[in-house]
PDB file of N, CA and C in Angstrom:
ATOM      1  N   MET A   1      99.442 130.163  98.197  1.00  0.00           N
ATOM      2  CA  MET A   1      97.868 129.957  99.007  1.00  0.00           C
ATOM      3  C   MET A   1      97.373 128.872  97.646  1.00  0.00           C
ATOM      4  N   SER A   2      96.822 128.374  97.878  1.00  0.00           N
ATOM      5  CA  SER A   2      95.406 127.377  97.070  1.00  0.00           C
ATOM      6  C   SER A   2      93.808 127.393  98.087  1.00  0.00           C
ATOM      7  N   THR A   3      93.568 126.954  96.581  1.00  0.00           N
ATOM      8  CA  THR A   3      91.928 127.172  97.331  1.00  0.00           C
ATOM      9  C   THR A   3      91.337 126.152  96.288  1.00  0.00           C
ATOM     10  N   ARG A   4      90.916 124.676  96.708  1.00  0.00           N
ATOM     11  CA  ARG A   4      89.763 124.090  95.973  1.00  0.00           C
ATOM     12  C   ARG A   4      88.549 124.113  95.721  1.00  0.00           C
ATOM     13  N   LEU A   5      88.519 124.119  94.367  1.00  0.00           N
ATOM     14  CA  LEU A   5      87.607 124.456  93.830  1.00  0.00           C
ATOM     15  C   LEU A   5      86.372 123.517  93.372  1.00  0.00           C
ATOM     16  N   LYS A   6      85.324 124.419  93.601  1.00  0.00           N
ATOM     17  CA  LYS A   6      83.959 123.030  92.786  1.00  0.00           C
ATOM     18  C   LYS A   6      84.362 122.473  91.319  1.00  0.00           C
ATOM     19  N   SER A   7      84.056 121.312  91.622  1.00  0.00           N
ATOM     20  CA  SER A   7      84.193 120.710  90.028  1.00  0.00           C
ATOM     21  C   SER A   7      82.621 120.429  89.295  1.00  0.00           C
ATOM     22  N   SER A   8      82.597 119.979  88.314  1.00  0.00           N
ATOM     23  CA  SER A   8      81.765 119.463  87.737  1.00  0.00           C
ATOM     24  C   SER A   8      81.342 118.310  88.507  1.00  0.00           C
ATOM     25  N   ARG A   9      82.470 117.376  88.258  1.00  0.00           N
ATOM     26  CA  ARG A   9      82.547 115.581  88.508  1.00  0.00           C
ATOM     27  C   ARG A   9      82.940 115.626  89.929  1.00  0.00           C
ATOM     28  N   PRO A  10      82.129 114.640  91.147  1.00  0.00           N
ATOM     29  CA  PRO A  10      83.059 114.480  92.284  1.00  0.00           C
ATOM     30  C   PRO A  10      84.531 114.070  91.941  1.00  0.00           C
ATOM     31  N   GLU A  11      84.399 112.970  90.620  1.00  0.00           N
ATOM     32  CA  GLU A  11      86.020 112.059  90.960  1.00  0.00           C
ATOM     33  C   GLU A  11      87.104 113.409  89.999  1.00  0.00           C
ATOM     34  N   ILE A  12      86.868 114.416  89.444  1.00  0.00           N
ATOM     35  CA  ILE A  12      87.879 115.276  89.446  1.00  0.00           C
ATOM     36  C   ILE A  12      88.047 116.375  90.191  1.00  0.00           C
ATOM     37  N   SER A  13      89.561 116.988  90.924  1.00  0.00           N
ATOM     38  CA  SER A  13      89.754 117.551  92.084  1.00  0.00           C
ATOM     39  C   SER A  13      90.271 118.813  91.360  1.00  0.00           C
ATOM     40  N   LEU A  14      89.917 119.808  91.674  1.00  0.00           N
ATOM     41  CA  LEU A  14      90.282 121.206  91.034  1.00  0.00           C
ATOM     42  C   LEU A  14      91.262 121.977  92.404  1.00  0.00           C
ATOM     43  N   THR A  15      92.265 122.660  92.011  1.00  0.00           N
ATOM     44  CA  THR A  15      93.097 123.221  93.000  1.00  0.00           C
ATOM     45  C   THR A  15      93.726 124.431  92.454  1.00  0.00           C
ATOM     46  N   ARG A  16      92.941 125.721  92.620  1.00  0.00           N
ATOM     47  CA  ARG A  16      93.961 126.849  92.159  1.00  0.00           C
ATOM     48  C   ARG A  16      94.694 127.111  93.185  1.00  0.00           C
ATOM     49  N   PHE A  17      95.943 127.625  92.648  1.00  0.00           N
ATOM     50  CA  PHE A  17      96.874 128.263  93.372  1.00  0.00           C
ATOM     51  C   PHE A  17      97.557 129.369  92.958  1.00  0.00           C
ATOM     52  N   SER A  18      98.460 129.973  92.930  1.00  0.00           N
ATOM     53  CA  SER A  18      99.806 131.417  92.432  1.00  0.00           C
ATOM     54  C   SER A  18     100.765 130.421  92.220  1.00  0.00           C
ATOM     55  N   GLY A  19     101.057 130.751  91.253  1.00  0.00           N
ATOM     56  CA  GLY A  19     102.589 130.292  90.513  1.00  0.00           C
ATOM     57  C   GLY A  19     103.451 131.406  90.544  1.00  0.00           C
ATOM     58  N   GLU A  20     104.856 130.934  90.289  1.00  0.00           N
ATOM     59  CA  GLU A  20     105.834 131.758  89.799  1.00  0.00           C
ATOM     60  C   GLU A  20     105.080 133.062  89.284  1.00  0.00           C
ATOM     61  N   GLY A  21     105.649 134.413  89.719  1.00  0.00           N
ATOM     62  CA  GLY A  21     105.174 135.441  89.132  1.00  0.00           C
ATOM     63  C   GLY A  21     103.876 135.532  89.738  1.00  0.00           C
ATOM     64  N   ALA A  22     103.399 135.500  90.588  1.00  0.00           N
ATOM     65  CA  ALA A  22     101.782 135.523  91.168  1.00  0.00           C
ATOM     66  C   ALA A  22     101.094 135.040  89.777  1.00  0.00           C
ATOM     67  N   VAL A  23     101.605 134.432  89.086  1.00  0.00           N
ATOM     68  CA  VAL A  23     100.550 133.849  88.028  1.00  0.00           C
ATOM     69  C   VAL A  23      99.679 132.629  88.792  1.00  0.00           C
ATOM     70  N   MET A  24      97.848 132.931  87.939  1.00  0.00           N
ATOM     71  CA  MET A  24      97.015 132.060  88.702  1.00  0.00           C
ATOM     72  C   MET A  24      96.924 130.653  88.049  1.00  0.00           C
ATOM     73  N   LYS A  25      97.388 129.549  88.386  1.00  0.00           N
ATOM     74  CA  LYS A  25      97.456 128.301  88.226  1.00  0.00           C
ATOM     75  C   LYS A  25      96.302 127.249  88.484  1.00  0.00           C
ATOM     76  N   LEU A  26      95.871 126.153  87.428  1.00  0.00           N
ATOM     77  CA  LEU A  26      95.384 125.016  88.466  1.00  0.00           C
ATOM     78  C   LEU A  26      95.711 123.630  88.288  1.00  0.00           C
ATOM     79  N   ASN A  27      95.122 123.326  89.123  1.00  0.00           N
ATOM     80  CA  ASN A  27      96.042 121.404  89.041  1.00  0.00           C
ATOM     81  C   ASN A  27      94.527 120.711  89.460  1.00  0.00           C
ATOM     82  N   VAL A  28      94.554 120.064  88.026  1.00  0.00           N
ATOM     83  CA  VAL A  28      92.916 119.089  87.772  1.00  0.00           C
ATOM     84  C   VAL A  28      94.154 117.781  88.377  1.00  0.00           C
ATOM     85  N   LEU A  29      93.398 117.279  89.025  1.00  0.00           N
ATOM     86  CA  LEU A  29      93.492 115.568  89.489  1.00  0.00           C
ATOM     87  C   LEU A  29      92.297 114.530  89.229  1.00  0.00           C
ATOM     88  N   ILE A  30      93.010 114.076  88.371  1.00  0.00           N
ATOM     89  CA  ILE A  30      91.637 112.925  88.126  1.00  0.00           C
ATOM     90  C   ILE A  30      92.481 111.717  88.343  1.00  0.00           C
ATOM     91  N   PRO A  31      92.054 110.396  89.293  1.00  0.00           N
ATOM     92  CA  PRO A  31      92.826 109.767  89.565  1.00  0.00           C
ATOM     93  C   PRO A  31      93.004 108.664  88.797  1.00  0.00           C
ATOM     94  N   GLU A  32      92.541 108.484  87.777  1.00  0.00           N
ATOM     95  CA  GLU A  32      93.402 107.110  86.514  1.00  0.00           C
ATOM     96  C   GLU A  32      93.500 108.226  85.301  1.00  0.00           C
ATOM     97  N   ASN A  33      95.427 107.366  86.107  1.00  0.00           N
ATOM     98  CA  ASN A  33      96.090 108.337  84.987  1.00  0.00           C
ATOM     99  C   ASN A  33      97.232 107.091  84.556  1.00  0.00           C
ATOM    100  N   ASN A  34      97.296 106.523  83.414  1.00  0.00           N
ATOM    101  CA  ASN A  34      98.347 106.061  82.890  1.00  0.00           C
ATOM    102  C   ASN A  34      99.655 106.308  82.349  1.00  0.00           C
ATOM    103  N   LYS A  35     100.401 105.441  82.538  1.00  0.00           N
ATOM    104  CA  LYS A  35     101.766 105.706  82.110  1.00  0.00           C
ATOM    105  C   LYS A  35     102.223 105.359  80.569  1.00  0.00           C
ATOM    106  N   TYR A  36     102.712 106.054  80.041  1.00  0.00           N
ATOM    107  CA  TYR A  36     103.099 105.310  78.651  1.00  0.00           C
ATOM    108  C   TYR A  36     104.671 105.591  78.158  1.00  0.00           C
ATOM    109  N   GLU A  37     105.288 104.751  77.405  1.00  0.00           N
ATOM    110  CA  GLU A  37     106.759 105.365  76.613  1.00  0.00           C
ATOM    111  C   GLU A  37     106.452 105.813  75.914  1.00  0.00           C
ATOM    112  N   TRP A  38     106.913 106.962  75.710  1.00  0.00           N
ATOM    113  CA  TRP A  38     106.564 107.997  73.819  1.00  0.00           C
ATOM    114  C   TRP A  38     108.559 107.715  73.929  1.00  0.00           C
ATOM    115  N   GLY A  39     109.082 107.109  72.983  1.00  0.00           N
ATOM    116  CA  GLY A  39     110.577 107.440  72.838  1.00  0.00           C
ATOM    117  C   GLY A  39     111.544 107.477  74.060  1.00  0.00           C
ATOM    118  N   GLN A  40     111.891 108.193  74.871  1.00  0.00           N
ATOM    119  CA  GLN A  40     112.542 108.394  75.514  1.00  0.00           C
ATOM    120  C   GLN A  40     111.790 108.429  76.768  1.00  0.00           C
ATOM    121  N   ASP A  41     110.884 109.232  76.766  1.00  0.00           N
ATOM    122  CA  ASP A  41     109.872 110.057  77.949  1.00  0.00           C
ATOM    123  C   ASP A  41     109.136 109.390  78.506  1.00  0.00           C
ATOM    124  N   THR A  42     108.407 109.128  79.273  1.00  0.00           N
ATOM    125  CA  THR A  42     107.494 108.355  79.989  1.00  0.00           C
ATOM    126  C   THR A  42     106.240 109.758  80.030  1.00  0.00           C
ATOM    127  N   VAL A  43     105.256 109.389  79.615  1.00  0.00           N
ATOM    128  CA  VAL A  43     104.272 110.435  80.139  1.00  0.00           C
ATOM    129  C   VAL A  43     103.159 109.714  80.336  1.00  0.00           C
ATOM    130  N   GLU A  44     102.210 110.341  81.173  1.00  0.00           N
ATOM    131  CA  GLU A  44     101.330 110.287  82.031  1.00  0.00           C
ATOM    132  C   GLU A  44      99.809 110.995  81.272  1.00  0.00           C
ATOM    133  N   ALA A  45      98.831 109.954  81.022  1.00  0.00           N
ATOM    134  CA  ALA A  45      97.770 110.205  80.480  1.00  0.00           C
ATOM    135  C   ALA A  45      96.441 109.862  81.105  1.00  0.00           C
ATOM    136  N   ILE A  46      95.374 110.779  80.770  1.00  0.00           N
ATOM    137  CA  ILE A  46      94.364 110.569  81.400  1.00  0.00           C
ATOM    138  C   ILE A  46      93.506 109.502  80.678  1.00  0.00           C
ATOM    139  N   SER A  47      92.177 109.158  81.013  1.00  0.00           N
ATOM    140  CA  SER A  47      91.251 108.562  80.348  1.00  0.00           C
ATOM    141  C   SER A  47      89.720 109.328  80.542  1.00  0.00           C
ATOM    142  N   LEU A  48      88.812 109.816  79.721  1.00  0.00           N
ATOM    143  CA  LEU A  48      87.737 110.755  79.956  1.00  0.00           C
ATOM    144  C   LEU A  48      86.456 110.339  79.304  1.00  0.00           C
ATOM    145  N   THR A  49      85.662 109.475  79.841  1.00  0.00           N
ATOM    146  CA  THR A  49      84.330 109.658  78.806  1.00  0.00           C
ATOM    147  C   THR A  49      84.090 111.068  78.397  1.00  0.00           C
ATOM    148  N   ARG A  50      82.699 110.731  77.474  1.00  0.00           N
ATOM    149  CA  ARG A  50      82.460 111.930  76.860  1.00  0.00           C
ATOM    150  C   ARG A  50      81.952 113.270  78.117  1.00  0.00           C
ATOM    151  N   GLU A  51      81.082 112.392  79.359  1.00  0.00           N
ATOM    152  CA  GLU A  51      80.783 113.719  79.995  1.00  0.00           C
ATOM    153  C   GLU A  51      81.999 113.799  80.698  1.00  0.00           C
ATOM    154  N   GLN A  52      82.871 113.337  81.306  1.00  0.00           N
ATOM    155  CA  GLN A  52      83.867 113.635  81.927  1.00  0.00           C
ATOM    156  C   GLN A  52      84.503 114.608  81.290  1.00  0.00           C
ATOM    157  N   ALA A  53      84.656 114.715  79.770  1.00  0.00           N
ATOM    158  CA  ALA A  53      85.312 115.789  78.708  1.00  0.00           C
ATOM    159  C   ALA A  53      84.637 117.234  79.382  1.00  0.00           C
ATOM    160  N   GLY A  54      83.460 117.247  78.626  1.00  0.00           N
ATOM    161  CA  GLY A  54      82.351 117.780  78.724  1.00  0.00           C
ATOM    162  C   GLY A  54      82.565 118.574  80.146  1.00  0.00           C
ATOM    163  N   SER A  55      82.427 117.773  81.324  1.00  0.00           N
ATOM    164  CA  SER A  55      82.478 118.246  82.495  1.00  0.00           C
ATOM    165  C   SER A  55      83.951 119.190  82.949  1.00  0.00           C
ATOM    166  N   LEU A  56      84.536 118.821  82.678  1.00  0.00           N
ATOM    167  CA  LEU A  56      86.335 118.855  82.512  1.00  0.00           C
ATOM    168  C   LEU A  56      86.507 120.747  82.163  1.00  0.00           C
ATOM    169  N   ALA A  57      86.061 120.592  80.133  1.00  0.00           N
ATOM    170  CA  ALA A  57      86.051 121.656  79.655  1.00  0.00           C
ATOM    171  C   ALA A  57      85.080 123.157  80.364  1.00  0.00           C
ATOM    172  N   HIS A  58      84.042 122.539  80.614  1.00  0.00           N
ATOM    173  CA  HIS A  58      83.380 123.519  81.762  1.00  0.00           C
ATOM    174  C   HIS A  58      84.134 124.262  82.760  1.00  0.00           C
ATOM    175  N   ASP A  59      84.705 123.417  83.399  1.00  0.00           N
ATOM    176  CA  ASP A  59      85.311 123.963  84.590  1.00  0.00           C
ATOM    177  C   ASP A  59      86.613 124.030  84.273  1.00  0.00           C
ATOM    178  N   LEU A  60      87.250 124.347  83.224  1.00  0.00           N
ATOM    179  CA  LEU A  60      88.216 125.173  82.784  1.00  0.00           C
ATOM    180  C   LEU A  60      88.125 126.279  82.173  1.00  0.00           C
ATOM    181  N   LEU A  61      87.232 126.396  81.579  1.00  0.00           N
ATOM    182  CA  LEU A  61      86.866 127.706  81.099  1.00  0.00           C
ATOM    183  C   LEU A  61      85.993 128.325  81.978  1.00  0.00           C
ATOM    184  N   ALA A  62      85.817 128.263  83.008  1.00  0.00           N
ATOM    185  CA  ALA A  62      85.258 128.675  84.556  1.00  0.00           C
ATOM    186  C   ALA A  62      86.865 129.396  84.733  1.00  0.00           C
ATOM    187  N   PHE A  63      87.619 128.483  85.008  1.00  0.00           N
ATOM    188  CA  PHE A  63      88.478 129.240  85.387  1.00  0.00           C
ATOM    189  C   PHE A  63      89.326 130.330  84.576  1.00  0.00           C
ATOM    190  N   ALA A  64      89.694 130.012  83.340  1.00  0.00           N
ATOM    191  CA  ALA A  64      90.036 130.806  82.610  1.00  0.00           C
ATOM    192  C   ALA A  64      89.259 132.005  82.342  1.00  0.00           C
ATOM    193  N   ASN A  65      87.866 132.228  82.147  1.00  0.00           N
ATOM    194  CA  ASN A  65      87.601 133.068  82.784  1.00  0.00           C
ATOM    195  C   ASN A  65      87.177 134.288  83.663  1.00  0.00           C
ATOM    196  N   GLU A  66      87.779 133.612  84.789  1.00  0.00           N
ATOM    197  CA  GLU A  66      87.477 133.777  86.326  1.00  0.00           C
ATOM    198  C   GLU A  66      86.481 133.786  87.034  1.00  0.00           C
ATOM    199  N   TRP A  67      85.462 132.784  86.380  1.00  0.00           N
ATOM    200  CA  TRP A  67      84.207 132.211  87.368  1.00  0.00           C
ATOM    201  C   TRP A  67      83.946 131.260  87.915  1.00  0.00           C
ATOM    202  N   GLU A  68      85.520 130.766  88.448  1.00  0.00           N
ATOM    203  CA  GLU A  68      85.783 129.827  89.591  1.00  0.00           C
ATOM    204  C   GLU A  68      84.866 130.014  90.394  1.00  0.00           C
ATOM    205  N   VAL A  69      84.311 128.911  91.296  1.00  0.00           N
ATOM    206  CA  VAL A  69      83.870 129.026  92.830  1.00  0.00           C
ATOM    207  C   VAL A  69      84.719 128.257  93.701  1.00  0.00           C
ATOM    208  N   ALA A  70      84.842 128.884  94.984  1.00  0.00           N
ATOM    209  CA  ALA A  70      85.671 128.092  96.174  1.00  0.00           C
ATOM    210  C   ALA A  70      85.131 126.928  96.470  1.00  0.00           C
ATOM    211  N   GLU A  71      85.690 125.874  96.850  1.00  0.00           N
ATOM    212  CA  GLU A  71      84.697 124.797  97.085  1.00  0.00           C
ATOM    213  C   GLU A  71      83.606 125.519  98.289  1.00  0.00           C
ATOM    214  N   HIS A  72      84.746 125.556  99.477  1.00  0.00           N
ATOM    215  CA  HIS A  72      83.785 126.457 101.027  1.00  0.00           C
ATOM    216  C   HIS A  72      83.919 127.758 100.894  1.00  0.00           C
ATOM    217  N   GLU A  73      82.469 128.192 100.271  1.00  0.00           N
ATOM    218  CA  GLU A  73      82.976 129.808 100.887  1.00  0.00           C
ATOM    219  C   GLU A  73      81.767 130.027 101.258  1.00  0.00           C
TER     220      GLU A  73
END
């Protein structure tokens, strides 16, 4: 089961879901991603402004401390 969570920024989408072994996980979606070649691997990276980074840090701390709020409660 998944739940959309309120985010500090409208362009950042957060979804909480039960992972393997009922461990709670968080999916963070930021539409601007870039792919980079790193050796033999291709990695995806995100670019954040300072404001976006601060907001994301706030949201991640809320999730880590179980203070997150569902988008529609």
